[in-house]
Amino acid sequence: MVPQTIAVLLLSANPKGTSWLRLAEERREIEAGLMARSRWRDRFRLVTRVAVRPQDVQRAMLDCTPNIVHFSGHGGGDQGLALEDDAGQMKLVEAAALAALFALYASDLQCGVAGEIGMFCCFIWFARKNDGLLL
């Protein structure tokens, strides 16, 4: 069943010493696609956290109980995601640790993605899973 409001948690990090990414522009495109151009815009609630540290991810999950989590930033495959520490330096968080955190929210969390293409694919999957109610 599709929730009344679909909470999308957008996490982003671009730690010091990593290549510069256009994270604000990626957020703008996601926001425009969900909140401006979508005929279902009233069904989405976009929650954004920037320069995220591991503890920020945990707090954001607790605060907004998202249905979809989108990460914008650097990733290292099995090494996980490049978040920030308190000084803004890179702190890799292993995929297994993220999976364990997301498992705590399995009843609400429908999809986790990275990158704009991933977001698009996630919405297609989400709509199909819920009998096309978002299309």
C-alpha atoms as a PDB file:
ATOM      1  CA  MET A   1       0.000   0.000   0.000  1.00  0.00           C
ATOM      2  CA  VAL A   2       1.277   3.486  -0.874  1.00  0.00           C
ATOM      3  CA  PRO A   3       1.626   5.836   2.107  1.00  0.00           C
ATOM      4  CA  GLN A   4      -0.497   9.031   2.048  1.00  0.00           C
ATOM      5  CA  THR A   5       2.666  11.129   1.980  1.00  0.00           C
ATOM      6  CA  ILE A   6       5.914   9.750   0.633  1.00  0.00           C
ATOM      7  CA  ALA A   7       8.842  11.046   2.668  1.00  0.00           C
ATOM      8  CA  VAL A   8      12.031  11.395   0.634  1.00  0.00           C
ATOM      9  CA  LEU A   9      15.221  11.894   2.641  1.00  0.00           C
ATOM     10  CA  LEU A  10      17.945  13.552   0.577  1.00  0.00           C
ATOM     11  CA  LEU A  11      21.368  13.177   2.180  1.00  0.00           C
ATOM     12  CA  SER A  12      24.435  14.833   0.707  1.00  0.00           C
ATOM     13  CA  ALA A  13      28.114  15.061   1.572  1.00  0.00           C
ATOM     14  CA  ASN A  14      31.167  16.342  -0.266  1.00  0.00           C
ATOM     15  CA  PRO A  15      34.016  15.921   2.238  1.00  0.00           C
ATOM     16  CA  LYS A  16      37.185  18.001   2.139  1.00  0.00           C
ATOM     17  CA  GLY A  17      39.853  16.457  -0.051  1.00  0.00           C
ATOM     18  CA  THR A  18      37.381  14.880  -2.475  1.00  0.00           C
ATOM     19  CA  SER A  19      36.506  16.096  -5.948  1.00  0.00           C
ATOM     20  CA  TRP A  20      33.942  18.881  -6.002  1.00  0.00           C
ATOM     21  CA  LEU A  21      30.405  17.789  -6.811  1.00  0.00           C
ATOM     22  CA  ARG A  22      27.432  19.921  -7.824  1.00  0.00           C
ATOM     23  CA  LEU A  23      25.238  18.718  -4.979  1.00  0.00           C
ATOM     24  CA  ALA A  24      23.063  21.828  -4.821  1.00  0.00           C
ATOM     25  CA  GLU A  25      22.235  21.456  -8.492  1.00  0.00           C
ATOM     26  CA  GLU A  26      21.363  17.785  -8.016  1.00  0.00           C
ATOM     27  CA  ARG A  27      19.058  18.764  -5.145  1.00  0.00           C
ATOM     28  CA  ARG A  28      17.458  21.454  -7.314  1.00  0.00           C
ATOM     29  CA  GLU A  29      16.712  18.904 -10.066  1.00  0.00           C
ATOM     30  CA  ILE A  30      15.233  16.401  -7.638  1.00  0.00           C
ATOM     31  CA  GLU A  31      13.182  19.109  -5.970  1.00  0.00           C
ATOM     32  CA  ALA A  32      11.915  20.391  -9.322  1.00  0.00           C
ATOM     33  CA  GLY A  33      11.015  16.899 -10.471  1.00  0.00           C
ATOM     34  CA  LEU A  34       9.153  16.030  -7.289  1.00  0.00           C
ATOM     35  CA  MET A  35       7.711  19.285  -6.105  1.00  0.00           C
ATOM     36  CA  ALA A  36       7.241  21.381  -9.244  1.00  0.00           C
ATOM     37  CA  ARG A  37       6.657  19.168 -12.280  1.00  0.00           C
ATOM     38  CA  SER A  38       5.094  16.064 -10.782  1.00  0.00           C
ATOM     39  CA  ARG A  39       1.340  15.768 -10.836  1.00  0.00           C
ATOM     40  CA  TRP A  40       1.729  13.909  -7.535  1.00  0.00           C
ATOM     41  CA  ARG A  41       3.711  16.746  -5.880  1.00  0.00           C
ATOM     42  CA  ASP A  42       1.260  16.938  -2.977  1.00  0.00           C
ATOM     43  CA  ARG A  43       2.136  13.366  -2.030  1.00  0.00           C
ATOM     44  CA  PHE A  44       5.865  14.038  -1.527  1.00  0.00           C
ATOM     45  CA  ARG A  45       7.684  15.512   1.427  1.00  0.00           C
ATOM     46  CA  LEU A  46      11.352  16.252   0.731  1.00  0.00           C
ATOM     47  CA  VAL A  47      13.662  16.384   3.743  1.00  0.00           C
ATOM     48  CA  THR A  48      17.251  17.500   3.097  1.00  0.00           C
ATOM     49  CA  ARG A  49      20.387  17.069   5.187  1.00  0.00           C
ATOM     50  CA  VAL A  50      23.725  18.405   3.923  1.00  0.00           C
ATOM     51  CA  ALA A  51      27.359  17.776   4.927  1.00  0.00           C
ATOM     52  CA  VAL A  52      26.103  14.630   6.639  1.00  0.00           C
ATOM     53  CA  ARG A  53      28.062  12.770   9.256  1.00  0.00           C
ATOM     54  CA  PRO A  54      27.198   9.205  10.319  1.00  0.00           C
ATOM     55  CA  GLN A  55      25.237  10.459  13.333  1.00  0.00           C
ATOM     56  CA  ASP A  56      23.287  12.837  11.070  1.00  0.00           C
ATOM     57  CA  VAL A  57      22.069   9.895   9.000  1.00  0.00           C
ATOM     58  CA  GLN A  58      20.800   8.140  12.112  1.00  0.00           C
ATOM     59  CA  ARG A  59      19.061  11.282  13.384  1.00  0.00           C
ATOM     60  CA  ALA A  60      17.478  12.024  10.015  1.00  0.00           C
ATOM     61  CA  MET A  61      16.129   8.477   9.756  1.00  0.00           C
ATOM     62  CA  LEU A  62      14.615   8.808  13.217  1.00  0.00           C
ATOM     63  CA  ASP A  63      13.250  12.320  12.620  1.00  0.00           C
ATOM     64  CA  CYS A  64      11.541  11.809   9.268  1.00  0.00           C
ATOM     65  CA  THR A  65      11.007   8.028   8.930  1.00  0.00           C
ATOM     66  CA  PRO A  66      11.569   8.135   5.159  1.00  0.00           C
ATOM     67  CA  ASN A  67      10.068   5.909   2.502  1.00  0.00           C
ATOM     68  CA  ILE A  68      12.914   6.740   0.128  1.00  0.00           C
ATOM     69  CA  VAL A  69      16.516   7.649   0.960  1.00  0.00           C
ATOM     70  CA  HIS A  70      18.615   9.358  -1.700  1.00  0.00           C
ATOM     71  CA  PHE A  71      22.352   9.944  -1.244  1.00  0.00           C
ATOM     72  CA  SER A  72      24.262  12.546  -3.252  1.00  0.00           C
ATOM     73  CA  GLY A  73      28.013  12.412  -2.925  1.00  0.00           C
ATOM     74  CA  HIS A  74      30.973  10.100  -3.211  1.00  0.00           C
ATOM     75  CA  GLY A  75      30.762   6.356  -2.820  1.00  0.00           C
ATOM     76  CA  GLY A  76      33.281   3.587  -2.623  1.00  0.00           C
ATOM     77  CA  GLY A  77      31.273   0.530  -3.678  1.00  0.00           C
ATOM     78  CA  ASP A  78      31.523  -2.098  -0.938  1.00  0.00           C
ATOM     79  CA  GLN A  79      33.499   0.403   1.137  1.00  0.00           C
ATOM     80  CA  GLY A  80      30.289   2.348   1.491  1.00  0.00           C
ATOM     81  CA  LEU A  81      29.522   6.045   1.306  1.00  0.00           C
ATOM     82  CA  ALA A  82      31.844   8.972   1.900  1.00  0.00           C
ATOM     83  CA  LEU A  83      30.256  11.001   4.658  1.00  0.00           C
ATOM     84  CA  GLU A  84      31.967  13.672   6.740  1.00  0.00           C
ATOM     85  CA  ASP A  85      33.469  13.702  10.201  1.00  0.00           C
ATOM     86  CA  ASP A  86      33.185  16.662  12.577  1.00  0.00           C
ATOM     87  CA  ALA A  87      36.076  18.421  10.780  1.00  0.00           C
ATOM     88  CA  GLY A  88      34.564  17.891   7.320  1.00  0.00           C
ATOM     89  CA  GLN A  89      37.057  15.172   6.390  1.00  0.00           C
ATOM     90  CA  MET A  90      35.979  11.981   4.649  1.00  0.00           C
ATOM     91  CA  LYS A  91      34.542   9.242   6.844  1.00  0.00           C
ATOM     92  CA  LEU A  92      33.656   6.060   4.969  1.00  0.00           C
ATOM     93  CA  VAL A  93      30.585   4.275   6.251  1.00  0.00           C
ATOM     94  CA  GLU A  94      30.419   0.658   5.171  1.00  0.00           C
ATOM     95  CA  ALA A  95      27.497  -0.586   3.136  1.00  0.00           C
ATOM     96  CA  ALA A  96      26.829  -3.246   5.785  1.00  0.00           C
ATOM     97  CA  ALA A  97      26.453  -0.591   8.491  1.00  0.00           C
ATOM     98  CA  LEU A  98      24.024   1.376   6.334  1.00  0.00           C
ATOM     99  CA  ALA A  99      22.078  -1.784   5.549  1.00  0.00           C
ATOM    100  CA  ALA A 100      21.791  -2.546   9.272  1.00  0.00           C
ATOM    101  CA  LEU A 101      20.509   0.970   9.941  1.00  0.00           C
ATOM    102  CA  PHE A 102      18.019   0.800   7.073  1.00  0.00           C
ATOM    103  CA  ALA A 103      16.822  -2.611   8.287  1.00  0.00           C
ATOM    104  CA  LEU A 104      15.547  -0.905  11.440  1.00  0.00           C
ATOM    105  CA  TYR A 105      13.170   1.083   9.232  1.00  0.00           C
ATOM    106  CA  ALA A 106      12.193  -1.756   6.901  1.00  0.00           C
ATOM    107  CA  SER A 107       8.479  -1.328   7.523  1.00  0.00           C
ATOM    108  CA  ASP A 108       8.579   2.227   6.102  1.00  0.00           C
ATOM    109  CA  LEU A 109      11.655   2.333   3.877  1.00  0.00           C
ATOM    110  CA  GLN A 110      10.862   1.339   0.313  1.00  0.00           C
ATOM    111  CA  CYS A 111      13.973   2.343  -1.601  1.00  0.00           C
ATOM    112  CA  GLY A 112      17.503   3.676  -1.203  1.00  0.00           C
ATOM    113  CA  VAL A 113      19.326   5.279  -4.123  1.00  0.00           C
ATOM    114  CA  ALA A 114      22.407   7.223  -5.132  1.00  0.00           C
ATOM    115  CA  GLY A 115      22.520   9.631  -8.064  1.00  0.00           C
ATOM    116  CA  GLU A 116      19.731  11.139 -10.162  1.00  0.00           C
ATOM    117  CA  ILE A 117      19.360   8.090 -12.418  1.00  0.00           C
ATOM    118  CA  GLY A 118      18.951   5.975  -9.312  1.00  0.00           C
ATOM    119  CA  MET A 119      16.199   8.292  -8.101  1.00  0.00           C
ATOM    120  CA  PHE A 120      14.317   7.935 -11.385  1.00  0.00           C
ATOM    121  CA  CYS A 121      14.633   4.137 -11.305  1.00  0.00           C
ATOM    122  CA  CYS A 122      13.515   4.082  -7.687  1.00  0.00           C
ATOM    123  CA  PHE A 123      10.302   5.933  -8.489  1.00  0.00           C
ATOM    124  CA  ILE A 124       9.532   3.579 -11.371  1.00  0.00           C
ATOM    125  CA  TRP A 125      10.113   0.592  -9.071  1.00  0.00           C
ATOM    126  CA  PHE A 126       8.060   2.182  -6.287  1.00  0.00           C
ATOM    127  CA  ALA A 127       5.164   2.899  -8.622  1.00  0.00           C
ATOM    128  CA  ARG A 128       5.157  -0.602 -10.073  1.00  0.00           C
ATOM    129  CA  LYS A 129       5.362  -2.147  -6.615  1.00  0.00           C
ATOM    130  CA  ASN A 130       2.305  -0.138  -5.615  1.00  0.00           C
ATOM    131  CA  ASP A 131       0.146  -0.944  -8.651  1.00  0.00           C
ATOM    132  CA  GLY A 132       1.130   2.136 -10.605  1.00  0.00           C
ATOM    133  CA  LEU A 133      -0.479   4.492  -8.124  1.00  0.00           C
ATOM    134  CA  LEU A 134       2.241   7.103  -8.632  1.00  0.00           C
ATOM    135  CA  LEU A 135       2.234   7.060 -12.430  1.00  0.00           C
END
